Amino acid sequence: MGFADDLAARSKDRLTAIIEAGQNAGGGAGDADAKALLQVALVNEISVSELAASWVASTPEVDVKLAFARQAGDEAGHFQLVAERLRALGFDVDGFVPPAANPLFQYLATLTSTAERVAAGLFALESIAYGVNENFIAYCRAHGDDETVRLYESIIQPEEREHQQIGRALLDKYATSADAQARASAAVDRVLEIASATRAAAAGRLGVTCFPGC
């Protein structure tokens, strides 16, 4: 087992708790609910795209630069997909203004080392996104939103999985020293801690736990 496998095993219980907290595909959801939930996705996608883009210039390793550039581009593409879906549901995307960064993205913006950034942005964040998106897909399917299901299953989720896999490979390549591994582990711990709290708060506001990630 490499470091990424060890880190995945170490964080499995906390990641599972975040994902299981959103496993509730019941309840009534009409167009208003679909629009509200997809607006969460809109915020997440632009936030991750901006974050990854901000790391490109200050990351010295070329392959990691390219990984963040790819993540930024893919998440921007997800934003566009979700925006088009929201337009079809009657939401004024042109009037959308991203809110200020939430505590999770405020924390992510403080990370400076390659190991921390890869662990937090490609490994942990994308692991959360993939898991909670599976819940959101189940929610949409239960409410007959087949088009949103198609977008997530055919485009968004495969790319989120690829980001996660790239992150694991880069962790094994660059988190080799004791210091780098300690920084990476601490970053994952903090991402999971903050994500758990922010998602719980959002669930309270939305009245539903099955909302998408990045």
Protein backbone atom coordinates (compact mmCIF):
# COMPACT_ATOMS: atom_id res chain seq x y z
CA MET A 1 0.00 0.00 0.00
CA GLY A 2 1.18 3.51 -0.82
CA PHE A 3 0.62 6.67 1.15
CA ALA A 4 -2.59 7.50 -0.73
CA ASP A 5 -4.05 4.11 0.19
CA ASP A 6 -3.06 4.61 3.82
CA LEU A 7 -4.62 8.06 3.83
CA ALA A 8 -7.81 6.76 2.24
CA ALA A 9 -8.10 4.02 4.85
CA ARG A 10 -7.39 6.46 7.65
CA SER A 11 -10.05 8.92 6.50
CA LYS A 12 -12.65 6.38 5.38
CA ASP A 13 -14.87 6.57 8.46
CA ARG A 14 -15.13 10.38 8.40
CA LEU A 15 -15.74 10.44 4.66
CA THR A 16 -18.39 7.75 5.00
CA ALA A 17 -20.13 9.75 7.73
CA ILE A 18 -20.38 12.79 5.42
CA ILE A 19 -21.77 10.69 2.57
CA GLU A 20 -24.20 8.72 4.72
CA ALA A 21 -25.57 11.95 6.21
CA GLY A 22 -26.91 12.73 2.74
CA GLN A 23 -28.52 9.40 1.97
CA ASN A 24 -32.12 10.57 2.02
CA ALA A 25 -33.80 10.39 -1.36
CA GLY A 26 -37.29 10.78 0.01
CA GLY A 27 -39.51 13.80 0.40
CA GLY A 28 -41.26 15.94 -2.14
CA ALA A 29 -39.23 18.00 -4.57
CA GLY A 30 -40.69 20.06 -7.36
CA ASP A 31 -39.04 22.51 -9.73
CA ALA A 32 -38.24 24.95 -6.91
CA ASP A 33 -36.36 22.27 -5.05
CA ALA A 34 -34.44 21.22 -8.14
CA LYS A 35 -33.43 24.80 -8.79
CA ALA A 36 -32.33 25.33 -5.19
CA LEU A 37 -30.22 22.19 -5.14
CA LEU A 38 -28.60 22.84 -8.50
CA GLN A 39 -27.70 26.36 -7.37
CA VAL A 40 -25.60 24.69 -4.67
CA ALA A 41 -23.81 22.81 -7.44
CA LEU A 42 -23.33 26.07 -9.36
CA VAL A 43 -21.59 27.65 -6.36
CA ASN A 44 -19.45 24.58 -5.72
CA GLU A 45 -18.33 24.20 -9.32
CA ILE A 46 -17.19 27.80 -9.73
CA SER A 47 -15.52 27.72 -6.31
CA VAL A 48 -13.44 24.64 -7.12
CA SER A 49 -12.60 25.97 -10.57
CA GLU A 50 -11.34 29.24 -9.12
CA LEU A 51 -9.40 27.49 -6.38
CA ALA A 52 -7.63 25.07 -8.73
CA ALA A 53 -6.85 27.87 -11.16
CA SER A 54 -5.35 29.96 -8.36
CA TRP A 55 -2.92 27.15 -7.54
CA VAL A 56 -1.56 26.65 -11.05
CA ALA A 57 0.96 29.49 -11.12
CA SER A 58 2.30 28.93 -7.59
CA THR A 59 2.73 25.16 -7.84
CA PRO A 60 6.27 24.32 -9.01
CA GLU A 61 5.76 20.76 -10.29
CA VAL A 62 4.60 20.75 -13.93
CA ASP A 63 2.46 17.63 -13.68
CA VAL A 64 0.67 19.04 -10.63
CA LYS A 65 0.19 22.38 -12.43
CA LEU A 66 -1.46 20.49 -15.26
CA ALA A 67 -3.62 18.49 -12.86
CA PHE A 68 -4.94 21.69 -11.28
CA ALA A 69 -5.42 23.26 -14.71
CA ARG A 70 -7.42 20.23 -15.80
CA GLN A 71 -9.48 20.33 -12.62
CA ALA A 72 -10.18 24.03 -13.12
CA GLY A 73 -11.29 23.44 -16.71
CA ASP A 74 -13.44 20.43 -15.91
CA GLU A 75 -15.17 22.18 -13.02
CA ALA A 76 -15.82 25.20 -15.25
CA GLY A 77 -17.39 22.79 -17.71
CA HIS A 78 -19.54 21.35 -14.94
CA PHE A 79 -20.63 24.88 -14.07
CA GLN A 80 -21.76 25.40 -17.66
CA LEU A 81 -23.66 22.09 -17.71
CA VAL A 82 -25.45 22.89 -14.46
CA ALA A 83 -26.16 26.43 -15.66
CA GLU A 84 -27.83 25.13 -18.82
CA ARG A 85 -29.92 22.72 -16.75
CA LEU A 86 -30.97 25.58 -14.47
CA ARG A 87 -31.92 27.70 -17.48
CA ALA A 88 -34.18 24.87 -18.62
CA LEU A 89 -35.80 24.98 -15.19
CA GLY A 90 -36.39 28.73 -15.44
CA PHE A 91 -33.51 30.04 -13.34
CA ASP A 92 -31.86 33.32 -14.34
CA VAL A 93 -28.26 32.15 -14.61
CA ASP A 94 -27.15 35.50 -16.06
CA GLY A 95 -28.11 37.12 -12.77
CA PHE A 96 -26.17 34.59 -10.68
CA VAL A 97 -23.53 36.12 -8.43
CA PRO A 98 -21.28 33.67 -6.54
CA PRO A 99 -21.37 34.23 -2.78
CA ALA A 100 -18.29 34.89 -0.70
CA ALA A 101 -16.12 31.85 -0.03
CA ASN A 102 -17.45 29.59 2.69
CA PRO A 103 -15.19 28.36 5.53
CA LEU A 104 -14.06 25.33 3.51
CA PHE A 105 -12.80 27.34 0.57
CA GLN A 106 -11.34 29.98 2.87
CA TYR A 107 -9.26 27.22 4.43
CA LEU A 108 -8.28 25.66 1.10
CA ALA A 109 -7.01 29.02 -0.12
CA THR A 110 -4.46 29.09 2.71
CA LEU A 111 -2.67 25.90 1.63
CA THR A 112 0.77 26.47 0.16
CA SER A 113 2.57 23.14 -0.22
CA THR A 114 2.03 20.74 -3.09
CA ALA A 115 1.26 17.82 -0.79
CA GLU A 116 -1.39 19.81 1.08
CA ARG A 117 -3.02 21.10 -2.08
CA VAL A 118 -3.14 17.71 -3.77
CA ALA A 119 -4.43 16.01 -0.63
CA ALA A 120 -7.10 18.63 0.03
CA GLY A 121 -8.14 19.71 -3.46
CA LEU A 122 -7.81 16.60 -5.61
CA PHE A 123 -7.99 13.80 -3.07
CA ALA A 124 -10.33 14.82 -0.24
CA LEU A 125 -12.57 17.39 -1.93
CA GLU A 126 -13.19 15.20 -4.96
CA SER A 127 -13.82 12.14 -2.76
CA ILE A 128 -16.52 14.07 -0.93
CA ALA A 129 -17.95 15.37 -4.20
CA TYR A 130 -18.19 11.95 -5.78
CA GLY A 131 -19.90 10.42 -2.76
CA VAL A 132 -22.46 13.16 -2.17
CA ASN A 133 -23.16 13.40 -5.90
CA GLU A 134 -24.16 9.74 -5.85
CA ASN A 135 -26.74 10.64 -3.21
CA PHE A 136 -27.91 13.59 -5.31
CA ILE A 137 -28.30 11.33 -8.36
CA ALA A 138 -30.47 8.98 -6.33
CA TYR A 139 -32.54 11.95 -5.15
CA CYS A 140 -33.03 13.23 -8.70
CA ARG A 141 -33.92 9.78 -9.99
CA ALA A 142 -36.50 9.35 -7.22
CA HIS A 143 -38.09 12.65 -8.27
CA GLY A 144 -38.11 11.96 -12.00
CA ASP A 145 -35.34 14.41 -12.94
CA ASP A 146 -33.82 12.15 -15.57
CA GLU A 147 -31.92 14.94 -17.35
CA THR A 148 -29.98 15.90 -14.23
CA VAL A 149 -29.26 12.22 -13.62
CA ARG A 150 -27.89 11.94 -17.15
CA LEU A 151 -25.61 14.95 -16.77
CA TYR A 152 -24.14 13.66 -13.55
CA GLU A 153 -23.78 10.02 -14.54
CA SER A 154 -22.41 10.57 -18.04
CA ILE A 155 -20.15 13.61 -17.56
CA ILE A 156 -19.71 15.03 -14.07
CA GLN A 157 -19.14 11.88 -12.03
CA PRO A 158 -16.60 10.26 -14.40
CA GLU A 159 -14.55 13.47 -14.33
CA GLU A 160 -14.77 13.77 -10.54
CA ARG A 161 -13.50 10.19 -10.28
CA GLU A 162 -10.61 10.99 -12.62
CA HIS A 163 -9.62 14.00 -10.49
CA GLN A 164 -9.64 11.77 -7.43
CA GLN A 165 -7.47 9.15 -9.14
CA ILE A 166 -5.02 11.80 -10.33
CA GLY A 167 -4.80 13.08 -6.77
CA ARG A 168 -3.97 9.64 -5.42
CA ALA A 169 -1.19 9.16 -7.97
CA LEU A 170 0.28 12.59 -7.24
CA LEU A 171 0.16 12.00 -3.50
CA ASP A 172 2.18 8.82 -3.89
CA LYS A 173 4.66 10.71 -6.05
CA TYR A 174 5.13 13.86 -3.98
CA ALA A 175 4.07 13.08 -0.39
CA THR A 176 7.14 10.99 0.32
CA SER A 177 8.79 12.76 3.26
CA ALA A 178 7.47 12.60 6.81
CA ASP A 179 6.76 16.34 6.72
CA ALA A 180 4.87 16.21 3.41
CA GLN A 181 2.80 13.26 4.62
CA ALA A 182 2.00 14.99 7.90
CA ARG A 183 0.91 18.13 6.03
CA ALA A 184 -1.22 16.10 3.63
CA SER A 185 -2.88 14.16 6.45
CA ALA A 186 -3.63 17.34 8.40
CA ALA A 187 -5.13 18.96 5.30
CA VAL A 188 -7.44 16.00 4.68
CA ASP A 189 -8.49 15.96 8.33
CA ARG A 190 -9.34 19.65 8.19
CA VAL A 191 -11.23 19.40 4.89
CA LEU A 192 -13.38 16.58 6.23
CA GLU A 193 -14.01 18.43 9.47
CA ILE A 194 -15.06 21.67 7.80
CA ALA A 195 -17.04 19.93 5.05
CA SER A 196 -19.04 17.98 7.62
CA ALA A 197 -20.00 21.18 9.44
CA THR A 198 -20.75 23.25 6.33
CA ARG A 199 -22.87 20.53 4.75
CA ALA A 200 -24.84 20.06 7.97
CA ALA A 201 -25.52 23.80 8.08
CA ALA A 202 -26.55 23.83 4.41
CA ALA A 203 -28.87 20.87 4.97
CA GLY A 204 -30.60 22.83 7.68
CA ARG A 205 -31.13 25.78 5.34
CA LEU A 206 -32.27 23.69 2.37
CA GLY A 207 -34.41 21.23 4.30
CA VAL A 208 -32.87 18.30 2.44
CA THR A 209 -29.57 16.41 2.78
CA CYS A 210 -29.17 15.18 -0.82
CA PHE A 211 -27.50 18.16 -2.42
CA PRO A 212 -24.52 17.94 -4.76
CA GLY A 213 -20.85 18.57 -4.16
CA CYS A 214 -18.24 20.00 -6.50
